Amino acid sequence: MSQEALAFEAEMTASYLSQIEGGKRNPSLEALHRLSCALRLDLEELLKA
């Protein structure tokens, strides 16, 4: 899945997702939840990765 597609599915901007991936932003719990849903993972699984 591309970064742009993931950002779209998670209802966030690609720029914000890029900053999270680059360690420049700390995602909120809500952002992590949206990412886990977009990736079809339990939040626990996402946090283990």
N, C-alpha and C. Protein backbone atom coordinates (compact mmCIF):
# COMPACT_ATOMS: atom_id res chain seq x y z
N MET A 1 0.85 -1.17 0.00
CA MET A 1 0.00 0.00 0.00
C MET A 1 0.90 1.23 0.00
N SER A 2 0.58 2.16 -0.87
CA SER A 2 1.37 3.38 -0.92
C SER A 2 1.07 4.27 0.28
N GLN A 3 1.98 5.17 0.55
CA GLN A 3 1.79 6.11 1.65
C GLN A 3 0.55 6.97 1.42
N GLU A 4 0.34 7.37 0.18
CA GLU A 4 -0.83 8.19 -0.15
C GLU A 4 -2.13 7.41 0.07
N ALA A 5 -2.14 6.15 -0.33
CA ALA A 5 -3.34 5.31 -0.16
C ALA A 5 -3.61 5.08 1.33
N LEU A 6 -2.56 4.83 2.10
CA LEU A 6 -2.73 4.62 3.54
C LEU A 6 -3.26 5.88 4.20
N ALA A 7 -2.70 7.02 3.84
CA ALA A 7 -3.16 8.29 4.40
C ALA A 7 -4.64 8.52 4.08
N PHE A 8 -5.03 8.21 2.85
CA PHE A 8 -6.43 8.37 2.46
C PHE A 8 -7.33 7.46 3.29
N GLU A 9 -6.95 6.19 3.42
CA GLU A 9 -7.74 5.23 4.18
C GLU A 9 -7.83 5.61 5.66
N ALA A 10 -6.76 6.20 6.18
CA ALA A 10 -6.71 6.59 7.59
C ALA A 10 -7.27 7.99 7.83
N GLU A 11 -7.73 8.62 6.77
CA GLU A 11 -8.30 9.97 6.86
C GLU A 11 -7.33 10.98 7.47
N MET A 12 -6.12 10.97 6.93
CA MET A 12 -5.11 11.95 7.34
C MET A 12 -4.33 12.35 6.09
N THR A 13 -3.57 13.42 6.19
CA THR A 13 -2.80 13.85 5.03
C THR A 13 -1.55 12.99 4.87
N ALA A 14 -1.12 12.88 3.63
CA ALA A 14 0.11 12.13 3.36
C ALA A 14 1.30 12.81 4.04
N SER A 15 1.26 14.13 4.14
CA SER A 15 2.33 14.87 4.80
C SER A 15 2.42 14.50 6.28
N TYR A 16 1.27 14.43 6.96
CA TYR A 16 1.25 14.06 8.37
C TYR A 16 1.76 12.62 8.55
N LEU A 17 1.32 11.72 7.69
CA LEU A 17 1.79 10.33 7.77
C LEU A 17 3.29 10.25 7.55
N SER A 18 3.79 11.01 6.60
CA SER A 18 5.23 11.04 6.33
C SER A 18 6.01 11.54 7.55
N GLN A 19 5.47 12.53 8.23
CA GLN A 19 6.13 13.06 9.43
C GLN A 19 6.13 12.02 10.56
N ILE A 20 5.06 11.26 10.67
CA ILE A 20 5.01 10.18 11.67
C ILE A 20 6.07 9.14 11.34
N GLU A 21 6.10 8.70 10.08
CA GLU A 21 7.07 7.69 9.66
C GLU A 21 8.50 8.17 9.83
N GLY A 22 8.73 9.46 9.63
CA GLY A 22 10.07 10.03 9.75
C GLY A 22 10.47 10.37 11.18
N GLY A 23 9.57 10.14 12.13
CA GLY A 23 9.88 10.43 13.52
C GLY A 23 9.81 11.90 13.88
N LYS A 24 9.22 12.71 13.01
CA LYS A 24 9.13 14.14 13.27
C LYS A 24 7.87 14.53 14.03
N ARG A 25 6.87 13.63 14.04
CA ARG A 25 5.62 13.87 14.75
C ARG A 25 5.30 12.65 15.60
N ASN A 26 4.71 12.87 16.73
CA ASN A 26 4.21 11.79 17.56
C ASN A 26 2.71 11.68 17.33
N PRO A 27 2.25 10.53 16.83
CA PRO A 27 0.83 10.41 16.52
C PRO A 27 -0.01 10.31 17.79
N SER A 28 -1.21 10.85 17.71
CA SER A 28 -2.16 10.72 18.81
C SER A 28 -2.69 9.30 18.82
N LEU A 29 -3.34 8.94 19.90
CA LEU A 29 -3.96 7.63 19.98
C LEU A 29 -5.02 7.48 18.89
N GLU A 30 -5.75 8.55 18.60
CA GLU A 30 -6.74 8.53 17.54
C GLU A 30 -6.10 8.26 16.18
N ALA A 31 -4.96 8.90 15.91
CA ALA A 31 -4.26 8.68 14.65
C ALA A 31 -3.78 7.23 14.55
N LEU A 32 -3.28 6.69 15.65
CA LEU A 32 -2.85 5.29 15.65
C LEU A 32 -4.03 4.36 15.41
N HIS A 33 -5.15 4.68 15.99
CA HIS A 33 -6.36 3.87 15.79
C HIS A 33 -6.78 3.90 14.32
N ARG A 34 -6.77 5.07 13.71
CA ARG A 34 -7.15 5.18 12.30
C ARG A 34 -6.18 4.42 11.41
N LEU A 35 -4.89 4.47 11.75
CA LEU A 35 -3.90 3.72 10.97
C LEU A 35 -4.11 2.22 11.12
N SER A 36 -4.37 1.77 12.34
CA SER A 36 -4.58 0.34 12.54
C SER A 36 -5.82 -0.14 11.79
N CYS A 37 -6.86 0.66 11.77
CA CYS A 37 -8.07 0.28 11.01
C CYS A 37 -7.78 0.25 9.51
N ALA A 38 -7.05 1.24 9.02
CA ALA A 38 -6.71 1.29 7.60
C ALA A 38 -5.85 0.10 7.18
N LEU A 39 -5.01 -0.35 8.09
CA LEU A 39 -4.14 -1.49 7.80
C LEU A 39 -4.78 -2.83 8.17
N ARG A 40 -5.98 -2.74 8.74
CA ARG A 40 -6.73 -3.93 9.17
C ARG A 40 -5.94 -4.75 10.18
N LEU A 41 -5.39 -4.02 11.16
CA LEU A 41 -4.64 -4.62 12.26
C LEU A 41 -5.27 -4.18 13.57
N ASP A 42 -5.15 -5.02 14.58
CA ASP A 42 -5.51 -4.58 15.92
C ASP A 42 -4.49 -3.52 16.32
N LEU A 43 -4.91 -2.56 17.13
CA LEU A 43 -4.00 -1.52 17.58
C LEU A 43 -2.77 -2.12 18.27
N GLU A 44 -3.00 -3.17 19.03
CA GLU A 44 -1.89 -3.85 19.72
C GLU A 44 -0.85 -4.36 18.71
N GLU A 45 -1.32 -4.91 17.61
CA GLU A 45 -0.41 -5.41 16.57
C GLU A 45 0.40 -4.27 15.95
N LEU A 46 -0.25 -3.14 15.72
CA LEU A 46 0.43 -1.99 15.15
C LEU A 46 1.53 -1.50 16.09
N LEU A 47 1.23 -1.48 17.38
CA LEU A 47 2.20 -0.97 18.34
C LEU A 47 3.38 -1.92 18.55
N LYS A 48 3.19 -3.19 18.27
CA LYS A 48 4.28 -4.16 18.38
C LYS A 48 5.27 -4.01 17.24
N ALA A 49 4.79 -3.51 16.10
CA ALA A 49 5.62 -3.45 14.88
C ALA A 49 6.71 -2.41 14.98
